[in-house]
Amino acid sequence: MNVGGLATAGFGTALGVLFAARDAGKRFTVYVDETRPLLQGARLTAWELSQARIDHILICDGAAGTVMRSGKVGMVVVGADRIAANGDVANKIGTYGVAVLAREHRIPFYVAAPASTFDLEIPDGSAIPIEERAEEEVLGFRSLRTAPYGTRAFNPAFDVTPARLVTGIITEFGIIEAPDERKIREQIASHRDE
């Protein structure tokens, strides 16, 4: 996933959290999912971490569970494209699976997003429209076809992670722990006039 300045401008979202930790003197390694099928993690996130001189290791998306089980992951931080009123989070496809794996391995799962990402008109994640992208993105890479002809593909660009899997949502106003509609509305209302 790309959650840095290339995706958002300036400090970024999830990468902004990592930059702040680095600036505070924390030492850590980031495991970066490659983010198939367009490889934003490999092409963009890894590049931004490299530019920021933050230690990182690129992994296949399917390796996330193995890395978590190894005990090498202390927390997961992802971005968000949209957050429903109840705290359900829409983000790049694969986020939901990472959240389930984090829960299984008792690893805190945080979402970093500006308050503008909240859509209080959407009650929950079931109302968030999910874009389906072209099958060709999965059936091959660039002009190289890798799947047999006649194979069909399902290629949603995003998925929805239920709020119950989210440890907290990090915003510019602070962290909403165990997010729910009441906590989200209170935080947004308390900062609306600032």
Protein backbone atom coordinates (compact mmCIF):
# COMPACT_ATOMS: atom_id res chain seq x y z
CA MET A 1 0.00 0.00 0.00
CA ASN A 2 1.18 3.51 -0.54
CA VAL A 3 0.45 5.74 2.42
CA GLY A 4 3.19 8.32 2.21
CA GLY A 5 3.63 11.73 0.66
CA LEU A 6 3.34 10.31 -2.87
CA ALA A 7 -0.22 9.22 -2.11
CA THR A 8 -1.39 12.11 0.04
CA ALA A 9 1.11 15.02 0.01
CA GLY A 10 3.48 16.15 2.68
CA PHE A 11 4.05 13.81 5.61
CA GLY A 12 1.61 11.11 4.47
CA THR A 13 -0.71 9.00 6.60
CA ALA A 14 0.65 5.66 7.84
CA LEU A 15 4.16 6.60 6.76
CA GLY A 16 3.75 9.88 8.64
CA VAL A 17 3.38 7.82 11.82
CA LEU A 18 6.63 6.01 10.98
CA PHE A 19 8.44 9.26 10.18
CA ALA A 20 7.32 10.69 13.53
CA ALA A 21 8.54 7.55 15.34
CA ARG A 22 11.91 7.79 13.59
CA ASP A 23 12.18 11.49 14.45
CA ALA A 24 11.46 10.57 18.10
CA GLY A 25 14.49 8.26 18.06
CA LYS A 26 12.64 4.95 17.76
CA ARG A 27 14.46 2.14 15.96
CA PHE A 28 12.38 -0.33 13.97
CA THR A 29 12.06 -2.30 10.76
CA VAL A 30 9.03 -1.98 8.49
CA TYR A 31 7.69 -5.04 6.68
CA VAL A 32 6.19 -3.72 3.45
CA ASP A 33 3.55 -5.76 1.61
CA GLU A 34 4.22 -5.65 -2.13
CA THR A 35 0.52 -4.81 -2.71
CA ARG A 36 -0.55 -6.75 -5.76
CA PRO A 37 -1.61 -6.44 -8.46
CA LEU A 38 -0.15 -2.95 -9.07
CA LEU A 39 2.73 -3.32 -6.60
CA GLN A 40 2.35 0.08 -4.92
CA GLY A 41 4.11 -1.22 -1.82
CA ALA A 42 7.10 -2.41 -3.85
CA ARG A 43 7.23 0.57 -6.18
CA LEU A 44 6.16 3.47 -3.94
CA THR A 45 6.15 2.69 -0.21
CA ALA A 46 9.53 0.94 -0.29
CA TRP A 47 10.95 3.87 -2.27
CA GLU A 48 9.65 6.42 0.25
CA LEU A 49 11.04 4.41 3.17
CA SER A 50 14.36 4.14 1.35
CA GLN A 51 14.43 7.90 0.79
CA ALA A 52 13.66 8.44 4.49
CA ARG A 53 16.40 5.95 5.46
CA ILE A 54 13.94 3.79 7.41
CA ASP A 55 14.92 0.13 7.57
CA HIS A 56 12.41 -1.97 5.62
CA ILE A 57 11.92 -5.42 4.15
CA LEU A 58 9.63 -6.06 1.19
CA ILE A 59 7.43 -9.17 1.48
CA CYS A 60 4.94 -10.92 -0.77
CA ASP A 61 1.38 -10.13 0.32
CA GLY A 62 0.88 -13.80 1.18
CA ALA A 63 3.87 -13.75 3.58
CA ALA A 64 2.24 -11.36 6.08
CA GLY A 65 0.88 -14.14 8.29
CA THR A 66 4.21 -15.94 8.43
CA VAL A 67 6.04 -12.73 9.36
CA MET A 68 3.46 -11.98 12.08
CA ARG A 69 3.68 -15.51 13.48
CA SER A 70 7.49 -15.16 13.66
CA GLY A 71 7.08 -12.49 16.34
CA LYS A 72 8.83 -9.83 14.24
CA VAL A 73 5.79 -7.53 14.05
CA GLY A 74 4.91 -5.35 17.03
CA MET A 75 2.12 -3.37 15.38
CA VAL A 76 0.41 -2.87 12.03
CA VAL A 77 -0.21 0.61 10.64
CA VAL A 78 -2.26 1.13 7.47
CA GLY A 79 -3.91 4.08 5.78
CA ALA A 80 -7.55 4.50 4.78
CA ASP A 81 -9.45 5.77 1.78
CA ARG A 82 -12.74 6.16 3.66
CA ILE A 83 -13.95 5.53 7.20
CA ALA A 84 -17.65 4.96 7.93
CA ALA A 85 -19.43 6.51 10.92
CA ASN A 86 -19.11 3.27 12.92
CA GLY A 87 -15.34 2.99 12.29
CA ASP A 88 -15.36 0.44 9.46
CA VAL A 89 -12.38 1.24 7.20
CA ALA A 90 -12.13 1.01 3.42
CA ASN A 91 -8.55 0.71 2.19
CA LYS A 92 -6.46 -1.00 -0.48
CA ILE A 93 -7.41 -4.61 -1.09
CA GLY A 94 -5.67 -6.92 1.35
CA THR A 95 -6.08 -4.66 4.38
CA TYR A 96 -8.93 -6.76 5.77
CA GLY A 97 -6.81 -9.92 5.56
CA VAL A 98 -3.92 -8.20 7.34
CA ALA A 99 -6.33 -7.06 10.08
CA VAL A 100 -7.61 -10.62 10.56
CA LEU A 101 -4.03 -11.91 10.76
CA ALA A 102 -3.10 -9.19 13.25
CA ARG A 103 -6.07 -10.14 15.45
CA GLU A 104 -5.10 -13.82 15.29
CA HIS A 105 -1.56 -12.98 16.40
CA ARG A 106 -2.65 -10.39 19.00
CA ILE A 107 -0.86 -7.57 17.19
CA PRO A 108 -2.34 -4.05 17.49
CA PHE A 109 -3.87 -2.87 14.20
CA TYR A 110 -3.91 0.91 13.68
CA VAL A 111 -5.35 3.02 10.89
CA ALA A 112 -3.69 6.39 10.20
CA ALA A 113 -5.93 8.85 8.39
CA PRO A 114 -6.79 12.54 8.43
CA ALA A 115 -10.19 13.47 9.88
CA SER A 116 -11.33 14.33 6.34
CA THR A 117 -11.34 10.57 5.63
CA PHE A 118 -14.38 10.04 7.89
CA ASP A 119 -17.71 9.95 6.05
CA LEU A 120 -20.35 10.27 8.74
CA GLU A 121 -23.11 9.96 6.13
CA ILE A 122 -22.12 6.32 5.63
CA PRO A 123 -23.37 4.29 8.62
CA ASP A 124 -21.05 1.30 8.14
CA GLY A 125 -18.71 -0.35 5.69
CA SER A 126 -21.45 -2.19 3.80
CA ALA A 127 -22.47 1.16 2.29
CA ILE A 128 -19.00 2.00 0.95
CA PRO A 129 -18.85 1.40 -2.81
CA ILE A 130 -15.94 -0.84 -3.83
CA GLU A 131 -14.30 -0.27 -7.20
CA GLU A 132 -13.62 -3.33 -9.34
CA ARG A 133 -10.64 -2.91 -11.60
CA ALA A 134 -9.78 -4.56 -14.92
CA GLU A 135 -9.21 -8.33 -14.92
CA GLU A 136 -6.04 -7.83 -16.97
CA GLU A 137 -4.25 -6.40 -13.91
CA VAL A 138 -4.47 -9.84 -12.27
CA LEU A 139 -4.16 -12.05 -15.35
CA GLY A 140 -0.69 -10.76 -16.18
CA PHE A 141 1.83 -8.05 -15.49
CA ARG A 142 2.04 -5.17 -17.93
CA SER A 143 2.05 -6.81 -21.36
CA LEU A 144 3.07 -10.28 -20.11
CA ARG A 145 0.15 -12.68 -19.67
CA THR A 146 0.76 -15.12 -16.80
CA ALA A 147 -2.64 -16.82 -16.42
CA PRO A 148 -3.97 -19.26 -19.01
CA TYR A 149 -6.37 -17.85 -21.58
CA GLY A 150 -9.94 -18.50 -20.53
CA THR A 151 -9.12 -17.74 -16.88
CA ARG A 152 -11.29 -15.04 -15.33
CA ALA A 153 -10.21 -12.71 -12.52
CA PHE A 154 -11.90 -10.87 -9.65
CA ASN A 155 -10.06 -7.62 -8.98
CA PRO A 156 -11.58 -5.37 -6.30
CA ALA A 157 -9.35 -2.35 -5.63
CA PHE A 158 -10.42 -2.01 -1.97
CA ASP A 159 -11.86 -3.98 0.91
CA VAL A 160 -13.54 -3.06 4.18
CA THR A 161 -12.08 -3.85 7.59
CA PRO A 162 -14.70 -3.98 10.35
CA ALA A 163 -14.16 -1.54 13.23
CA ARG A 164 -14.01 -4.46 15.69
CA LEU A 165 -10.60 -5.40 14.20
CA VAL A 166 -9.20 -1.86 14.55
CA THR A 167 -7.21 -1.11 17.71
CA GLY A 168 -7.28 2.61 17.02
CA ILE A 169 -7.56 5.29 14.37
CA ILE A 170 -4.73 7.83 14.39
CA THR A 171 -5.79 11.30 13.21
CA GLU A 172 -4.25 14.74 13.40
CA PHE A 173 -6.39 15.23 16.52
CA GLY A 174 -5.21 12.14 18.38
CA ILE A 175 -6.01 8.43 18.55
CA ILE A 176 -9.55 7.06 18.69
CA GLU A 177 -9.07 3.81 20.62
CA ALA A 178 -11.49 0.94 19.87
CA PRO A 179 -13.38 3.19 17.43
CA ASP A 180 -17.15 3.32 17.34
CA GLU A 181 -19.68 5.87 16.13
CA ARG A 182 -19.96 7.73 19.43
CA LYS A 183 -16.19 8.18 19.82
CA ILE A 184 -15.75 9.20 16.18
CA ARG A 185 -18.55 11.77 16.24
CA GLU A 186 -17.26 13.20 19.55
CA GLN A 187 -13.73 13.65 18.21
CA ILE A 188 -14.86 15.23 14.96
CA ALA A 189 -17.36 17.51 16.72
CA SER A 190 -14.77 18.63 19.28
CA HIS A 191 -12.39 19.75 16.50
CA ARG A 192 -14.88 21.02 13.93
CA ASP A 193 -14.45 24.68 14.86
CA GLU A 194 -10.63 24.67 15.11
